[in-house]
Amino acid sequence: MMLVAIAVILAVPGAFPLWLKIEQGVCGLVLLGVAALVNGKHLRAVSAVG
């Protein structure tokens, strides 16, 4: 949900200052990286039960 909220903040023209959009873009990229890492095959294989 956070990635969707960040995308909305970035997409709405003129509603937010540029510095906020830049900050949210950077946070979104970091969050996207964490989501990719957590949902990767290696971590799922390590944490698999059974």
C-alpha atoms as a PDB file:
ATOM      1  CA  MET A   1       0.000   0.000   0.000  1.00  0.00           C
ATOM      2  CA  MET A   2       2.861   2.363   0.707  1.00  0.00           C
ATOM      3  CA  LEU A   3       4.174   2.056  -2.840  1.00  0.00           C
ATOM      4  CA  VAL A   4       0.729   2.962  -4.165  1.00  0.00           C
ATOM      5  CA  ALA A   5       0.534   5.984  -1.849  1.00  0.00           C
ATOM      6  CA  ILE A   6       3.980   7.137  -2.962  1.00  0.00           C
ATOM      7  CA  ALA A   7       2.992   6.729  -6.616  1.00  0.00           C
ATOM      8  CA  VAL A   8      -0.075   8.904  -6.030  1.00  0.00           C
ATOM      9  CA  ILE A   9       2.002  11.602  -4.335  1.00  0.00           C
ATOM     10  CA  LEU A  10       4.395  11.617  -7.287  1.00  0.00           C
ATOM     11  CA  ALA A  11       1.626  11.595  -9.893  1.00  0.00           C
ATOM     12  CA  VAL A  12      -0.594  14.423  -8.594  1.00  0.00           C
ATOM     13  CA  PRO A  13       0.599  17.618 -10.297  1.00  0.00           C
ATOM     14  CA  GLY A  14       1.109  20.680  -8.121  1.00  0.00           C
ATOM     15  CA  ALA A  15      -0.347  19.226  -4.932  1.00  0.00           C
ATOM     16  CA  PHE A  16       2.981  18.719  -3.170  1.00  0.00           C
ATOM     17  CA  PRO A  17       6.288  20.652  -3.168  1.00  0.00           C
ATOM     18  CA  LEU A  18       9.173  19.343  -5.264  1.00  0.00           C
ATOM     19  CA  TRP A  19      11.331  18.497  -2.243  1.00  0.00           C
ATOM     20  CA  LEU A  20       8.579  16.197  -0.907  1.00  0.00           C
ATOM     21  CA  LYS A  21       8.217  14.434  -4.247  1.00  0.00           C
ATOM     22  CA  ILE A  22      11.979  13.864  -4.419  1.00  0.00           C
ATOM     23  CA  GLU A  23      12.044  12.532  -0.863  1.00  0.00           C
ATOM     24  CA  GLN A  24       9.094  10.234  -1.489  1.00  0.00           C
ATOM     25  CA  GLY A  25      10.665   9.007  -4.731  1.00  0.00           C
ATOM     26  CA  VAL A  26      13.872   8.043  -2.915  1.00  0.00           C
ATOM     27  CA  CYS A  27      11.919   6.328  -0.139  1.00  0.00           C
ATOM     28  CA  GLY A  28       9.823   4.524  -2.732  1.00  0.00           C
ATOM     29  CA  LEU A  29      12.925   3.178  -4.471  1.00  0.00           C
ATOM     30  CA  VAL A  30      14.325   1.940  -1.155  1.00  0.00           C
ATOM     31  CA  LEU A  31      10.995   0.343  -0.260  1.00  0.00           C
ATOM     32  CA  LEU A  32      10.800  -1.298  -3.684  1.00  0.00           C
ATOM     33  CA  GLY A  33      14.264  -2.783  -3.141  1.00  0.00           C
ATOM     34  CA  VAL A  34      13.301  -4.117   0.280  1.00  0.00           C
ATOM     35  CA  ALA A  35      10.087  -5.621  -1.116  1.00  0.00           C
ATOM     36  CA  ALA A  36      12.043  -7.325  -3.917  1.00  0.00           C
ATOM     37  CA  LEU A  37      14.571  -8.691  -1.418  1.00  0.00           C
ATOM     38  CA  VAL A  38      11.919  -9.991   0.982  1.00  0.00           C
ATOM     39  CA  ASN A  39       9.922 -11.638  -1.801  1.00  0.00           C
ATOM     40  CA  GLY A  40      12.978 -13.151  -3.490  1.00  0.00           C
ATOM     41  CA  LYS A  41      13.499 -16.889  -3.946  1.00  0.00           C
ATOM     42  CA  HIS A  42      16.516 -17.057  -1.660  1.00  0.00           C
ATOM     43  CA  LEU A  43      14.834 -15.592   1.421  1.00  0.00           C
ATOM     44  CA  ARG A  44      11.680 -17.645   0.884  1.00  0.00           C
ATOM     45  CA  ALA A  45      13.786 -20.808   0.592  1.00  0.00           C
ATOM     46  CA  VAL A  46      15.687 -19.991   3.787  1.00  0.00           C
ATOM     47  CA  SER A  47      12.527 -19.314   5.777  1.00  0.00           C
ATOM     48  CA  ALA A  48      10.514 -22.243   4.355  1.00  0.00           C
ATOM     49  CA  VAL A  49       9.146 -24.620   6.941  1.00  0.00           C
ATOM     50  CA  GLY A  50       9.386 -28.342   6.284  1.00  0.00           C
END
